Protein backbone atom coordinates (compact mmCIF):
# COMPACT_ATOMS: atom_id res chain seq x y z
CA UNK A 1 45.18 37.26 -24.09
CA UNK A 2 48.49 35.69 -23.10
CA UNK A 3 49.56 32.86 -25.41
CA UNK A 4 50.44 30.10 -22.96
CA UNK A 5 51.62 26.59 -23.77
CA UNK A 6 48.12 25.31 -22.97
CA UNK A 7 46.52 27.83 -25.35
CA UNK A 8 48.96 26.88 -28.07
CA UNK A 9 48.12 23.22 -27.50
CA UNK A 10 44.39 23.94 -27.84
CA UNK A 11 44.92 25.90 -31.04
CA UNK A 12 46.76 22.92 -32.53
CA UNK A 13 44.52 20.18 -31.11
CA UNK A 14 42.30 17.94 -33.21
CA UNK A 15 41.05 15.28 -30.80
CA UNK A 16 39.35 16.24 -27.53
CA UNK A 17 38.43 13.40 -25.19
CA UNK A 18 36.05 13.50 -22.25
CA UNK A 19 36.55 11.30 -19.22
CA UNK A 20 32.85 10.95 -18.41
CA UNK A 21 31.98 9.17 -15.18
CA UNK A 22 28.65 8.08 -16.59
CA UNK A 23 30.68 5.67 -18.76
CA UNK A 24 33.74 5.04 -16.60
CA UNK A 25 33.88 4.16 -12.90
CA UNK A 26 35.88 6.63 -10.84
CA UNK A 27 38.34 3.98 -9.61
CA UNK A 28 39.45 3.13 -13.16
CA UNK A 29 39.25 6.67 -14.55
CA UNK A 30 42.98 7.44 -14.12
CA UNK A 31 43.89 4.32 -16.10
CA UNK A 32 41.40 5.34 -18.80
CA UNK A 33 43.01 8.78 -18.90
CA UNK A 34 46.42 7.15 -19.44
CA UNK A 35 45.09 5.11 -22.36
CA UNK A 36 43.47 8.15 -23.92
CA UNK A 37 46.68 10.12 -23.65
CA UNK A 38 48.71 7.20 -25.04
CA UNK A 39 46.38 7.10 -28.05
CA UNK A 40 46.84 10.77 -28.85
CA UNK A 41 43.97 12.64 -27.20
CA UNK A 42 45.15 16.25 -27.20
CA UNK A 43 42.74 17.77 -24.68
CA UNK A 44 41.16 15.87 -21.81
CA UNK A 45 38.08 16.92 -19.87
CA UNK A 46 36.69 15.46 -16.67
CA UNK A 47 32.91 15.35 -16.69
CA UNK A 48 31.42 14.06 -13.43
CA UNK A 49 27.72 14.88 -13.31
CA UNK A 50 25.99 14.34 -9.95
CA UNK A 51 29.16 13.15 -8.26
CA UNK A 52 30.36 14.25 -4.78
CA UNK A 53 32.61 17.29 -4.92
CA UNK A 54 35.29 15.55 -2.85
CA UNK A 55 35.47 12.69 -5.35
CA UNK A 56 35.70 15.09 -8.30
CA UNK A 57 38.47 17.06 -6.64
CA UNK A 58 40.47 13.95 -5.74
CA UNK A 59 40.11 12.46 -9.20
CA UNK A 60 40.90 15.77 -10.90
CA UNK A 61 44.19 15.99 -9.00
CA UNK A 62 45.14 12.49 -10.16
CA UNK A 63 44.26 13.20 -13.78
CA UNK A 64 45.97 16.61 -13.71
CA UNK A 65 49.23 14.92 -12.72
CA UNK A 66 48.96 12.61 -15.73
CA UNK A 67 48.03 15.28 -18.26
CA UNK A 68 50.64 17.71 -16.99
CA UNK A 69 53.47 15.25 -17.54
CA UNK A 70 52.13 14.55 -21.04
CA UNK A 71 51.64 18.20 -21.99
CA UNK A 72 47.90 17.65 -22.54
CA UNK A 73 45.56 20.44 -21.38
CA UNK A 74 43.16 19.26 -18.66
CA UNK A 75 39.70 20.81 -18.37
CA UNK A 76 37.14 20.46 -15.57
CA UNK A 77 33.47 20.54 -16.53
CA UNK A 78 30.91 22.33 -14.32
CA UNK A 79 33.22 23.14 -11.41
CA UNK A 80 35.42 26.18 -12.14
CA UNK A 81 36.02 26.53 -8.41
CA UNK A 82 38.13 23.34 -8.55
CA UNK A 83 40.51 24.50 -11.29
CA UNK A 84 43.10 26.18 -9.12
CA UNK A 85 43.07 23.63 -6.28
CA UNK A 86 43.50 20.63 -8.59
CA UNK A 87 46.09 21.99 -11.00
CA UNK A 88 43.73 21.79 -13.97
CA UNK A 89 44.42 23.94 -17.01
CA UNK A 90 40.92 25.34 -17.28
CA UNK A 91 37.16 24.96 -17.14
CA UNK A 92 34.25 24.30 -19.46
CA UNK A 93 30.79 25.84 -19.09
CA UNK A 94 27.43 25.24 -20.74
CA UNK A 95 24.75 27.62 -21.89
CA UNK A 96 22.96 27.42 -18.54
CA UNK A 97 26.04 27.57 -16.34
CA UNK A 98 27.83 30.51 -14.80
CA UNK A 99 28.45 33.37 -17.26
CA UNK A 100 31.84 33.60 -18.95
CA UNK A 101 32.81 36.81 -17.16
CA UNK A 102 31.93 35.36 -13.75
CA UNK A 103 33.78 32.13 -14.54
CA UNK A 104 36.86 34.13 -15.54
CA UNK A 105 36.68 35.82 -12.17
CA UNK A 106 37.03 32.42 -10.52
CA UNK A 107 39.58 30.69 -12.75
CA UNK A 108 41.72 33.64 -13.88
CA UNK A 109 43.79 33.61 -17.05
CA UNK A 110 43.56 29.90 -17.84
CA UNK A 111 41.64 27.93 -20.46
CA UNK A 112 37.89 28.40 -20.76
CA UNK A 113 35.56 26.66 -23.21
CA UNK A 114 31.82 26.88 -23.76
CA UNK A 115 29.18 24.60 -25.28
CA UNK A 116 27.07 25.99 -28.12
CA UNK A 117 24.09 24.37 -29.81
CA UNK A 118 23.38 26.64 -32.78
CA UNK A 119 25.13 29.05 -35.12
CA UNK A 120 23.62 31.95 -33.16
CA UNK A 121 25.02 30.66 -29.87
CA UNK A 122 28.38 29.98 -31.49
CA UNK A 123 28.67 33.47 -32.95
CA UNK A 124 27.69 34.97 -29.59
CA UNK A 125 30.39 32.89 -27.91
CA UNK A 126 32.82 33.94 -30.61
CA UNK A 127 33.10 37.45 -29.16
CA UNK A 128 33.47 36.28 -25.57
CA UNK A 129 36.67 35.77 -23.59
CA UNK A 130 36.93 32.09 -24.46
CA UNK A 131 39.67 29.79 -25.73
CA UNK A 132 37.45 27.40 -27.70
CA UNK A 133 33.84 26.39 -28.23
CA UNK A 134 32.02 23.10 -28.57
CA UNK A 135 29.45 22.93 -31.37
CA UNK A 136 26.72 20.30 -31.28
CA UNK A 137 25.31 17.83 -30.65
CA UNK A 138 25.69 16.87 -34.29
CA UNK A 139 23.97 13.51 -33.80
CA UNK A 140 21.73 11.92 -31.19
CA UNK A 141 23.77 10.92 -28.17
CA UNK A 142 22.94 9.40 -24.78
CA UNK A 143 25.46 11.83 -23.26
CA UNK A 144 23.07 14.72 -24.05
CA UNK A 145 19.63 13.10 -24.37
CA UNK A 146 17.72 16.37 -23.88
CA UNK A 147 19.33 18.13 -26.85
CA UNK A 148 17.97 17.96 -30.37
CA UNK A 149 20.72 17.01 -32.86
CA UNK A 150 21.69 19.92 -35.10
CA UNK A 151 23.24 17.87 -37.91
CA UNK A 152 26.30 18.71 -39.97
CA UNK A 153 24.90 21.25 -42.45
CA UNK A 154 26.07 24.32 -40.51
CA UNK A 155 29.61 23.20 -39.70
CA UNK A 156 31.16 25.15 -42.58
CA UNK A 157 29.17 28.28 -41.74
CA UNK A 158 30.12 28.29 -38.09
CA UNK A 159 33.78 27.95 -39.02
CA UNK A 160 33.42 30.97 -41.29
CA UNK A 161 31.86 33.10 -38.57
CA UNK A 162 33.77 32.13 -35.42
CA UNK A 163 37.45 32.79 -34.77
CA UNK A 164 37.81 30.49 -31.75
CA UNK A 165 38.84 26.85 -32.26
CA UNK A 166 35.63 24.88 -32.80
CA UNK A 167 35.28 21.31 -31.55
CA UNK A 168 32.32 19.49 -33.09
CA UNK A 169 30.64 17.24 -30.56
CA UNK A 170 27.69 14.94 -30.05
CA UNK A 171 27.53 11.39 -31.33
CA UNK A 172 30.85 11.74 -33.16
CA UNK A 173 32.59 8.38 -33.47
CA UNK A 174 35.23 6.75 -35.62
CA UNK A 175 32.57 5.33 -37.95
CA UNK A 176 31.12 8.75 -38.82
CA UNK A 177 34.25 10.84 -38.42
CA UNK A 178 34.99 11.01 -42.15
CA UNK A 179 31.46 12.33 -42.76
CA UNK A 180 31.94 15.00 -40.07
CA UNK A 181 35.27 16.06 -41.55
CA UNK A 182 33.82 16.16 -45.06
CA UNK A 183 31.17 18.56 -43.73
CA UNK A 184 33.90 20.99 -42.70
CA UNK A 185 34.93 20.02 -39.18
CA UNK A 186 38.57 20.47 -38.19
CA UNK A 187 38.41 19.33 -34.57
CA UNK A 188 36.11 16.95 -32.71
CA UNK A 189 35.15 15.78 -29.25
CA UNK A 190 34.60 12.04 -28.93
CA UNK A 191 33.14 10.59 -25.74
CA UNK A 192 31.47 7.16 -25.78
CA UNK A 193 33.30 5.98 -28.90
CA UNK A 194 36.59 6.25 -27.03
CA UNK A 195 35.42 5.19 -23.59
CA UNK A 196 33.63 2.06 -24.82
CA UNK A 197 36.32 0.95 -27.29
CA UNK A 198 37.91 -2.46 -26.83
CA UNK A 199 41.34 -0.90 -27.37
CA UNK A 200 41.12 2.75 -26.33
CA UNK A 201 44.59 3.82 -27.46
CA UNK A 202 44.23 2.16 -30.88
CA UNK A 203 40.80 3.75 -31.36
CA UNK A 204 42.24 7.19 -30.59
CA UNK A 205 45.12 6.64 -33.00
CA UNK A 206 42.72 5.77 -35.81
CA UNK A 207 40.74 8.92 -35.10
CA UNK A 208 43.90 11.02 -35.04
CA UNK A 209 45.02 9.61 -38.39
CA UNK A 210 41.80 10.85 -40.01
CA UNK A 211 41.87 14.20 -38.23
CA UNK A 212 45.54 14.90 -38.91
CA UNK A 213 44.97 14.42 -42.63
CA UNK A 214 42.68 17.46 -42.73
CA UNK A 215 44.32 20.94 -42.76
CA UNK A 216 43.44 23.18 -39.83
CA UNK A 217 43.20 26.20 -42.14
């Protein structure tokens, strides 16, 4: 697999933010993206469940322009067919979405991540043509209300078994971040904690300070 600047950025990233339209109105989403980037989010995903495709495409183009100038990889959730037209750096798929091989056929040699919800799913994903995996949800979260939290006990084990960068996700916030890191996490995805913060950039900086203090290896 070609080592691109985006792949190098993912391998070095600690803080992955999701611009989720269930928390942020579309008209203010670009400004939220700017604040996330200013605070040190190192990967940014657009998640727009049940939104019109035209709106997602328009917004993705706006966000891609911001992330590109900042050198932050930009990922589109659920819609790999929009990656090339919007200038995004890659796509993210879930367990019930299009298979990895089929998604690769659409997006080509760009970033691809996959959600996993158990050690078994993570190890299966670990041999697929992916650039990173999400592992969770660690805690109960309104973002994924149908998923049973898996807790933090298996974080160390999944890092031992999987070679891809692993981003722990699901109810992770500044207030429990130290606990997640103590359990063996190296990278995290934070959604509502960032999007609902009074000062988004400051919140991200505080998260980065904790994450950057933990060695990646």
